[in-house]
Amino acid sequence: MPRRIVVAITGATGSIYGVRLLEALRANPDVETHLIVSRAGALNIASELDIGRRDVEALADVVHSDRDIGASIASGSFRTHGMIVAPCSMKTLAALATGVTDTLVSRAADVALKERRRVVLLARESPLHLVHLRNMVTVTELGAVVFPPLAAFYAKLESLDDMVDQTVGRVLDLFDIEPPRVRRWGGLKEDVGDD
């Protein structure tokens, strides 16, 4: 069986993370990707990346409609290695925290959680209010990994593309998939002085 990874792109800013994940996973012949793009996710793709939904769908092995609650990935008997929601809107986070699974994105993530599979949520919002934080605690208690895409300044990245690639690489690390490009921490090389 190929390593099946479900990727969802929802309506938070940062659709580039989902697209770059699909590109990185496509380069690995042992991985089969299943893609869901929410309606708001498609709007963000068009707005942020100036490409169409079909261009993004072409990067995946299998594409599912967010309305298709009967899709293969909606059942725990369909084996996957987990799911990445990139970016993850606060609406999607709230759905997972409350168990309200009325879309395929929320149902597939809920299934992955109940089957104890890896679920990584690239939560995108700032600033955060108390409900956001409580929902993050709840999904973490359920087994999800909340992974806000933050810059790794130690890597001395030179561009926005480098920052996206670094985040994508660290997410792939969580699935034991060797990322194409990631700068790893090697420790401090010199004395940085007293505190």
Foldseek 3Di string as FASTA:
>chain_A
DAAEEEEEEEQFAFLVLSQVLLVQQLVDPRYAYEYEYAPNRQVNCCVPPVDGPVVSVVSHNHYDYFQCCVDLLLALVNDHQEYEYGAAELVLLVCCLVVPRRTNSNSSNNSCLVNLHEYEHQYDDPPDDDVSVVSQVSVVVSPYHYHHQDADVVQVDDDPVLSSQQSSQVVVVVSVDHTPDHRDDDDDDDDPDDD
